[in-house]
């Protein structure tokens, strides 16, 4: 393992006897993991808010065209 693999993904702290995983990331404490997840959720909420108009408009267009679209599988 390299030195970066032996460090927390959030704070860069060293691991003790226990470490916490989330999608391949390792955290030294549960508080680091929870803080990382909260910060990530906040970023995702900001992106959903930013793209909300575009996503809702495209889904309305998709729902409106469902009756008129026909697919032919060959």
PDB file of N, CA and C in Angstrom:
ATOM      1  N   UNK A   1       0.835  -1.182   0.000  1.00  0.00           N
ATOM      2  CA  UNK A   1       0.000   0.000   0.000  1.00  0.00           C
ATOM      3  C   UNK A   1       0.881   1.247   0.000  1.00  0.00           C
ATOM      4  N   UNK A   2       0.491   2.213  -0.781  1.00  0.00           N
ATOM      5  CA  UNK A   2       1.221   3.470  -0.778  1.00  0.00           C
ATOM      6  C   UNK A   2       0.764   4.308   0.409  1.00  0.00           C
ATOM      7  N   UNK A   3       1.445   5.414   0.629  1.00  0.00           N
ATOM      8  CA  UNK A   3       1.118   6.264   1.772  1.00  0.00           C
ATOM      9  C   UNK A   3      -0.283   6.860   1.660  1.00  0.00           C
ATOM     10  N   UNK A   4      -0.740   7.202   0.447  1.00  0.00           N
ATOM     11  CA  UNK A   4      -2.070   7.775   0.294  1.00  0.00           C
ATOM     12  C   UNK A   4      -3.159   6.764   0.589  1.00  0.00           C
ATOM     13  N   UNK A   5      -2.906   5.488   0.359  1.00  0.00           N
ATOM     14  CA  UNK A   5      -3.903   4.458   0.644  1.00  0.00           C
ATOM     15  C   UNK A   5      -4.061   4.230   2.138  1.00  0.00           C
ATOM     16  N   UNK A   6      -3.070   4.652   2.930  1.00  0.00           N
ATOM     17  CA  UNK A   6      -3.130   4.473   4.374  1.00  0.00           C
ATOM     18  C   UNK A   6      -3.710   5.685   5.088  1.00  0.00           C
ATOM     19  N   UNK A   7      -4.349   6.583   4.349  1.00  0.00           N
ATOM     20  CA  UNK A   7      -4.894   7.809   4.920  1.00  0.00           C
ATOM     21  C   UNK A   7      -6.388   7.919   4.674  1.00  0.00           C
ATOM     22  N   UNK A   8      -7.045   8.665   5.535  1.00  0.00           N
ATOM     23  CA  UNK A   8      -8.479   8.906   5.432  1.00  0.00           C
ATOM     24  C   UNK A   8      -8.780   9.730   4.178  1.00  0.00           C
ATOM     25  N   UNK A   9      -9.862   9.402   3.484  1.00  0.00           N
ATOM     26  CA  UNK A   9     -10.246  10.106   2.267  1.00  0.00           C
ATOM     27  C   UNK A   9     -10.785  11.503   2.571  1.00  0.00           C
ATOM     28  N   UNK A  10     -11.199  11.759   3.800  1.00  0.00           N
ATOM     29  CA  UNK A  10     -11.779  13.056   4.154  1.00  0.00           C
ATOM     30  C   UNK A  10     -10.766  13.980   4.813  1.00  0.00           C
ATOM     31  N   UNK A  11     -10.138  13.522   5.876  1.00  0.00           N
ATOM     32  CA  UNK A  11      -9.251  14.406   6.642  1.00  0.00           C
ATOM     33  C   UNK A  11      -7.768  14.096   6.452  1.00  0.00           C
ATOM     34  N   UNK A  12      -7.463  12.943   5.866  1.00  0.00           N
ATOM     35  CA  UNK A  12      -6.060  12.575   5.676  1.00  0.00           C
ATOM     36  C   UNK A  12      -5.418  11.967   6.908  1.00  0.00           C
ATOM     37  N   UNK A  13      -6.237  11.671   7.921  1.00  0.00           N
ATOM     38  CA  UNK A  13      -5.722  11.089   9.150  1.00  0.00           C
ATOM     39  C   UNK A  13      -5.351   9.621   8.985  1.00  0.00           C
ATOM     40  N   UNK A  14      -4.530   9.134   9.898  1.00  0.00           N
ATOM     41  CA  UNK A  14      -4.113   7.735   9.870  1.00  0.00           C
ATOM     42  C   UNK A  14      -5.241   6.844  10.383  1.00  0.00           C
ATOM     43  N   UNK A  15      -5.260   5.616   9.908  1.00  0.00           N
ATOM     44  CA  UNK A  15      -6.251   4.643  10.363  1.00  0.00           C
ATOM     45  C   UNK A  15      -5.803   4.024  11.675  1.00  0.00           C
ATOM     46  N   UNK A  16      -6.788   3.700  12.517  1.00  0.00           N
ATOM     47  CA  UNK A  16      -6.523   2.966  13.739  1.00  0.00           C
ATOM     48  C   UNK A  16      -6.821   1.502  13.496  1.00  0.00           C
ATOM     49  N   UNK A  17      -7.391   0.846  14.482  1.00  0.00           N
ATOM     50  CA  UNK A  17      -7.745  -0.561  14.335  1.00  0.00           C
ATOM     51  C   UNK A  17      -8.966  -0.736  13.451  1.00  0.00           C
ATOM     52  N   UNK A  18      -9.825   0.290  13.420  1.00  0.00           N
ATOM     53  CA  UNK A  18     -11.069   0.214  12.656  1.00  0.00           C
ATOM     54  C   UNK A  18     -11.087   1.345  11.644  1.00  0.00           C
ATOM     55  N   UNK A  19     -11.552   1.044  10.431  1.00  0.00           N
ATOM     56  CA  UNK A  19     -11.803   2.103   9.452  1.00  0.00           C
ATOM     57  C   UNK A  19     -13.150   1.842   8.812  1.00  0.00           C
ATOM     58  N   UNK A  20     -13.733   2.881   8.246  1.00  0.00           N
ATOM     59  CA  UNK A  20     -15.077   2.823   7.681  1.00  0.00           C
ATOM     60  C   UNK A  20     -14.989   2.986   6.174  1.00  0.00           C
ATOM     61  N   UNK A  21     -15.756   2.184   5.433  1.00  0.00           N
ATOM     62  CA  UNK A  21     -15.736   2.208   3.967  1.00  0.00           C
ATOM     63  C   UNK A  21     -17.012   2.809   3.407  1.00  0.00           C
ATOM     64  N   UNK A  22     -16.866   3.432   2.242  1.00  0.00           N
ATOM     65  CA  UNK A  22     -18.021   3.861   1.458  1.00  0.00           C
ATOM     66  C   UNK A  22     -17.566   3.943   0.006  1.00  0.00           C
ATOM     67  N   UNK A  23     -18.083   3.054  -0.833  1.00  0.00           N
ATOM     68  CA  UNK A  23     -17.790   3.009  -2.265  1.00  0.00           C
ATOM     69  C   UNK A  23     -16.292   3.062  -2.552  1.00  0.00           C
ATOM     70  N   UNK A  24     -15.532   2.263  -1.861  1.00  0.00           N
ATOM     71  CA  UNK A  24     -14.101   2.178  -2.120  1.00  0.00           C
ATOM     72  C   UNK A  24     -13.274   3.230  -1.399  1.00  0.00           C
ATOM     73  N   UNK A  25     -13.906   4.194  -0.760  1.00  0.00           N
ATOM     74  CA  UNK A  25     -13.195   5.200   0.022  1.00  0.00           C
ATOM     75  C   UNK A  25     -13.086   4.707   1.458  1.00  0.00           C
ATOM     76  N   UNK A  26     -11.990   5.033   2.103  1.00  0.00           N
ATOM     77  CA  UNK A  26     -11.778   4.615   3.488  1.00  0.00           C
ATOM     78  C   UNK A  26     -11.682   5.845   4.372  1.00  0.00           C
ATOM     79  N   UNK A  27     -12.331   5.766   5.539  1.00  0.00           N
ATOM     80  CA  UNK A  27     -12.364   6.881   6.474  1.00  0.00           C
ATOM     81  C   UNK A  27     -11.858   6.409   7.828  1.00  0.00           C
ATOM     82  N   UNK A  28     -11.163   7.318   8.545  1.00  0.00           N
ATOM     83  CA  UNK A  28     -10.573   6.948   9.831  1.00  0.00           C
ATOM     84  C   UNK A  28     -11.618   6.900  10.944  1.00  0.00           C
ATOM     85  N   UNK A  29     -12.660   7.729  10.852  1.00  0.00           N
ATOM     86  CA  UNK A  29     -13.698   7.778  11.877  1.00  0.00           C
ATOM     87  C   UNK A  29     -15.063   7.799  11.221  1.00  0.00           C
ATOM     88  N   UNK A  30     -16.075   7.410  11.956  1.00  0.00           N
ATOM     89  CA  UNK A  30     -17.438   7.472  11.451  1.00  0.00           C
ATOM     90  C   UNK A  30     -17.846   8.926  11.218  1.00  0.00           C
ATOM     91  N   UNK A  31     -17.335   9.838  12.037  1.00  0.00           N
ATOM     92  CA  UNK A  31     -17.638  11.259  11.873  1.00  0.00           C
ATOM     93  C   UNK A  31     -17.105  11.774  10.529  1.00  0.00           C
ATOM     94  N   UNK A  32     -15.933  11.316  10.105  1.00  0.00           N
ATOM     95  CA  UNK A  32     -15.382  11.708   8.804  1.00  0.00           C
ATOM     96  C   UNK A  32     -16.268  11.195   7.681  1.00  0.00           C
ATOM     97  N   UNK A  33     -16.714   9.953   7.799  1.00  0.00           N
ATOM     98  CA  UNK A  33     -17.583   9.373   6.777  1.00  0.00           C
ATOM     99  C   UNK A  33     -18.905  10.132   6.703  1.00  0.00           C
ATOM    100  N   UNK A  34     -19.514  10.414   7.862  1.00  0.00           N
ATOM    101  CA  UNK A  34     -20.783  11.127   7.897  1.00  0.00           C
ATOM    102  C   UNK A  34     -20.641  12.541   7.342  1.00  0.00           C
ATOM    103  N   UNK A  35     -19.546  13.224   7.675  1.00  0.00           N
ATOM    104  CA  UNK A  35     -19.316  14.570   7.167  1.00  0.00           C
ATOM    105  C   UNK A  35     -19.119  14.550   5.650  1.00  0.00           C
ATOM    106  N   UNK A  36     -18.374  13.565   5.164  1.00  0.00           N
ATOM    107  CA  UNK A  36     -18.164  13.417   3.722  1.00  0.00           C
ATOM    108  C   UNK A  36     -19.489  13.169   2.999  1.00  0.00           C
ATOM    109  N   UNK A  37     -20.325  12.285   3.550  1.00  0.00           N
ATOM    110  CA  UNK A  37     -21.615  11.989   2.933  1.00  0.00           C
ATOM    111  C   UNK A  37     -22.541  13.205   2.965  1.00  0.00           C
ATOM    112  N   UNK A  38     -22.520  13.974   4.055  1.00  0.00           N
ATOM    113  CA  UNK A  38     -23.346  15.175   4.150  1.00  0.00           C
ATOM    114  C   UNK A  38     -22.905  16.214   3.125  1.00  0.00           C
ATOM    115  N   UNK A  39     -21.602  16.398   2.988  1.00  0.00           N
ATOM    116  CA  UNK A  39     -21.079  17.366   2.021  1.00  0.00           C
ATOM    117  C   UNK A  39     -21.397  16.927   0.594  1.00  0.00           C
ATOM    118  N   UNK A  40     -21.304  15.632   0.324  1.00  0.00           N
ATOM    119  CA  UNK A  40     -21.617  15.109  -0.998  1.00  0.00           C
ATOM    120  C   UNK A  40     -23.109  15.269  -1.299  1.00  0.00           C
ATOM    121  N   UNK A  41     -23.963  14.994  -0.320  1.00  0.00           N
ATOM    122  CA  UNK A  41     -25.404  15.143  -0.507  1.00  0.00           C
ATOM    123  C   UNK A  41     -25.760  16.605  -0.766  1.00  0.00           C
ATOM    124  N   UNK A  42     -25.080  17.522  -0.082  1.00  0.00           N
ATOM    125  CA  UNK A  42     -25.323  18.943  -0.294  1.00  0.00           C
ATOM    126  C   UNK A  42     -24.948  19.337  -1.726  1.00  0.00           C
ATOM    127  N   UNK A  43     -23.841  18.813  -2.218  1.00  0.00           N
ATOM    128  CA  UNK A  43     -23.439  19.084  -3.599  1.00  0.00           C
ATOM    129  C   UNK A  43     -24.410  18.500  -4.604  1.00  0.00           C
ATOM    130  N   UNK A  44     -24.899  17.296  -4.326  1.00  0.00           N
ATOM    131  CA  UNK A  44     -25.872  16.671  -5.223  1.00  0.00           C
ATOM    132  C   UNK A  44     -27.177  17.458  -5.237  1.00  0.00           C
ATOM    133  N   UNK A  45     -27.596  17.955  -4.078  1.00  0.00           N
ATOM    134  CA  UNK A  45     -28.823  18.749  -4.010  1.00  0.00           C
ATOM    135  C   UNK A  45     -28.662  20.035  -4.814  1.00  0.00           C
ATOM    136  N   UNK A  46     -27.483  20.636  -4.751  1.00  0.00           N
ATOM    137  CA  UNK A  46     -27.226  21.850  -5.516  1.00  0.00           C
ATOM    138  C   UNK A  46     -27.290  21.559  -7.013  1.00  0.00           C
ATOM    139  N   UNK A  47     -26.735  20.422  -7.439  1.00  0.00           N
ATOM    140  CA  UNK A  47     -26.787  20.069  -8.860  1.00  0.00           C
ATOM    141  C   UNK A  47     -28.217  19.767  -9.299  1.00  0.00           C
ATOM    142  N   UNK A  48     -28.991  19.068  -8.443  1.00  0.00           N
ATOM    143  CA  UNK A  48     -30.393  18.792  -8.786  1.00  0.00           C
ATOM    144  C   UNK A  48     -31.172  20.095  -8.911  1.00  0.00           C
ATOM    145  N   UNK A  49     -30.895  21.045  -8.030  1.00  0.00           N
ATOM    146  CA  UNK A  49     -31.572  22.334  -8.096  1.00  0.00           C
ATOM    147  C   UNK A  49     -31.170  23.064  -9.377  1.00  0.00           C
ATOM    148  N   UNK A  50     -29.899  23.014  -9.719  1.00  0.00           N
ATOM    149  CA  UNK A  50     -29.401  23.692 -10.905  1.00  0.00           C
ATOM    150  C   UNK A  50     -29.989  23.083 -12.178  1.00  0.00           C
ATOM    151  N   UNK A  51     -30.016  21.768 -12.259  1.00  0.00           N
ATOM    152  CA  UNK A  51     -30.505  21.092 -13.455  1.00  0.00           C
ATOM    153  C   UNK A  51     -31.978  20.736 -13.372  1.00  0.00           C
ATOM    154  N   UNK A  52     -32.663  21.143 -12.335  1.00  0.00           N
ATOM    155  CA  UNK A  52     -34.057  20.781 -12.132  1.00  0.00           C
ATOM    156  C   UNK A  52     -34.963  21.219 -13.260  1.00  0.00           C
ATOM    157  N   UNK A  53     -34.782  22.435 -13.733  1.00  0.00           N
ATOM    158  CA  UNK A  53     -35.637  22.922 -14.816  1.00  0.00           C
ATOM    159  C   UNK A  53     -35.406  22.143 -16.091  1.00  0.00           C
ATOM    160  N   UNK A  54     -34.158  21.872 -16.403  1.00  0.00           N
ATOM    161  CA  UNK A  54     -33.837  21.134 -17.623  1.00  0.00           C
ATOM    162  C   UNK A  54     -34.358  19.710 -17.534  1.00  0.00           C
ATOM    163  N   UNK A  55     -34.165  19.061 -16.375  1.00  0.00           N
ATOM    164  CA  UNK A  55     -34.599  17.675 -16.205  1.00  0.00           C
ATOM    165  C   UNK A  55     -36.120  17.578 -16.230  1.00  0.00           C
ATOM    166  N   UNK A  56     -36.799  18.488 -15.550  1.00  0.00           N
ATOM    167  CA  UNK A  56     -38.263  18.404 -15.514  1.00  0.00           C
ATOM    168  C   UNK A  56     -38.845  18.696 -16.889  1.00  0.00           C
ATOM    169  N   UNK A  57     -38.246  19.626 -17.621  1.00  0.00           N
ATOM    170  CA  UNK A  57     -38.733  19.952 -18.960  1.00  0.00           C
ATOM    171  C   UNK A  57     -38.530  18.765 -19.907  1.00  0.00           C
ATOM    172  N   UNK A  58     -37.379  18.109 -19.833  1.00  0.00           N
ATOM    173  CA  UNK A  58     -37.128  16.976 -20.726  1.00  0.00           C
ATOM    174  C   UNK A  58     -38.026  15.797 -20.372  1.00  0.00           C
ATOM    175  N   UNK A  59     -38.336  15.602 -19.090  1.00  0.00           N
ATOM    176  CA  UNK A  59     -39.222  14.507 -18.710  1.00  0.00           C
ATOM    177  C   UNK A  59     -40.653  14.791 -19.139  1.00  0.00           C
ATOM    178  N   UNK A  60     -41.080  16.056 -19.099  1.00  0.00           N
ATOM    179  CA  UNK A  60     -42.416  16.403 -19.569  1.00  0.00           C
ATOM    180  C   UNK A  60     -42.512  16.161 -21.067  1.00  0.00           C
ATOM    181  N   UNK A  61     -41.470  16.537 -21.813  1.00  0.00           N
ATOM    182  CA  UNK A  61     -41.460  16.301 -23.255  1.00  0.00           C
ATOM    183  C   UNK A  61     -41.495  14.811 -23.550  1.00  0.00           C
ATOM    184  N   UNK A  62     -40.739  14.048 -22.775  1.00  0.00           N
ATOM    185  CA  UNK A  62     -40.702  12.600 -22.968  1.00  0.00           C
ATOM    186  C   UNK A  62     -42.066  11.990 -22.660  1.00  0.00           C
ATOM    187  N   UNK A  63     -42.692  12.427 -21.588  1.00  0.00           N
ATOM    188  CA  UNK A  63     -44.007  11.892 -21.219  1.00  0.00           C
ATOM    189  C   UNK A  63     -45.064  12.306 -22.243  1.00  0.00           C
ATOM    190  N   UNK A  64     -44.959  13.508 -22.793  1.00  0.00           N
ATOM    191  CA  UNK A  64     -45.922  13.965 -23.777  1.00  0.00           C
ATOM    192  C   UNK A  64     -45.802  13.234 -25.099  1.00  0.00           C
ATOM    193  N   UNK A  65     -44.625  12.750 -25.424  1.00  0.00           N
ATOM    194  CA  UNK A  65     -44.396  12.080 -26.701  1.00  0.00           C
ATOM    195  C   UNK A  65     -44.534  10.564 -26.624  1.00  0.00           C
ATOM    196  N   UNK A  66     -44.796  10.032 -25.454  1.00  0.00           N
ATOM    197  CA  UNK A  66     -44.839   8.570 -25.312  1.00  0.00           C
ATOM    198  C   UNK A  66     -45.929   7.935 -26.158  1.00  0.00           C
ATOM    199  N   UNK A  67     -47.072   8.568 -26.281  1.00  0.00           N
ATOM    200  CA  UNK A  67     -48.155   7.999 -27.065  1.00  0.00           C
ATOM    201  C   UNK A  67     -47.890   8.059 -28.559  1.00  0.00           C
ATOM    202  N   UNK A  68     -47.068   8.991 -28.991  1.00  0.00           N
ATOM    203  CA  UNK A  68     -46.818   9.189 -30.415  1.00  0.00           C
ATOM    204  C   UNK A  68     -45.581   8.466 -30.918  1.00  0.00           C
ATOM    205  N   UNK A  69     -44.753   8.014 -30.023  1.00  0.00           N
ATOM    206  CA  UNK A  69     -43.512   7.353 -30.423  1.00  0.00           C
ATOM    207  C   UNK A  69     -43.772   5.865 -30.592  1.00  0.00           C
ATOM    208  N   UNK A  70     -43.323   5.331 -31.683  1.00  0.00           N
ATOM    209  CA  UNK A  70     -43.455   3.881 -31.886  1.00  0.00           C
ATOM    210  C   UNK A  70     -42.075   3.293 -32.135  1.00  0.00           C
ATOM    211  N   UNK A  71     -41.830   2.163 -31.572  1.00  0.00           N
ATOM    212  CA  UNK A  71     -40.548   1.493 -31.730  1.00  0.00           C
ATOM    213  C   UNK A  71     -40.748   0.195 -32.511  1.00  0.00           C
ATOM    214  N   UNK A  72     -39.853  -0.049 -33.424  1.00  0.00           N
ATOM    215  CA  UNK A  72     -39.897  -1.280 -34.204  1.00  0.00           C
ATOM    216  C   UNK A  72     -38.600  -2.018 -33.924  1.00  0.00           C
ATOM    217  N   UNK A  73     -38.701  -3.187 -33.344  1.00  0.00           N
ATOM    218  CA  UNK A  73     -37.532  -4.005 -33.047  1.00  0.00           C
ATOM    219  C   UNK A  73     -37.304  -4.976 -34.187  1.00  0.00           C
ATOM    220  N   UNK A  74     -36.137  -5.008 -34.688  1.00  0.00           N
ATOM    221  CA  UNK A  74     -35.802  -5.913 -35.808  1.00  0.00           C
ATOM    222  C   UNK A  74     -34.855  -6.984 -35.314  1.00  0.00           C
TER     223      UNK A  74
END
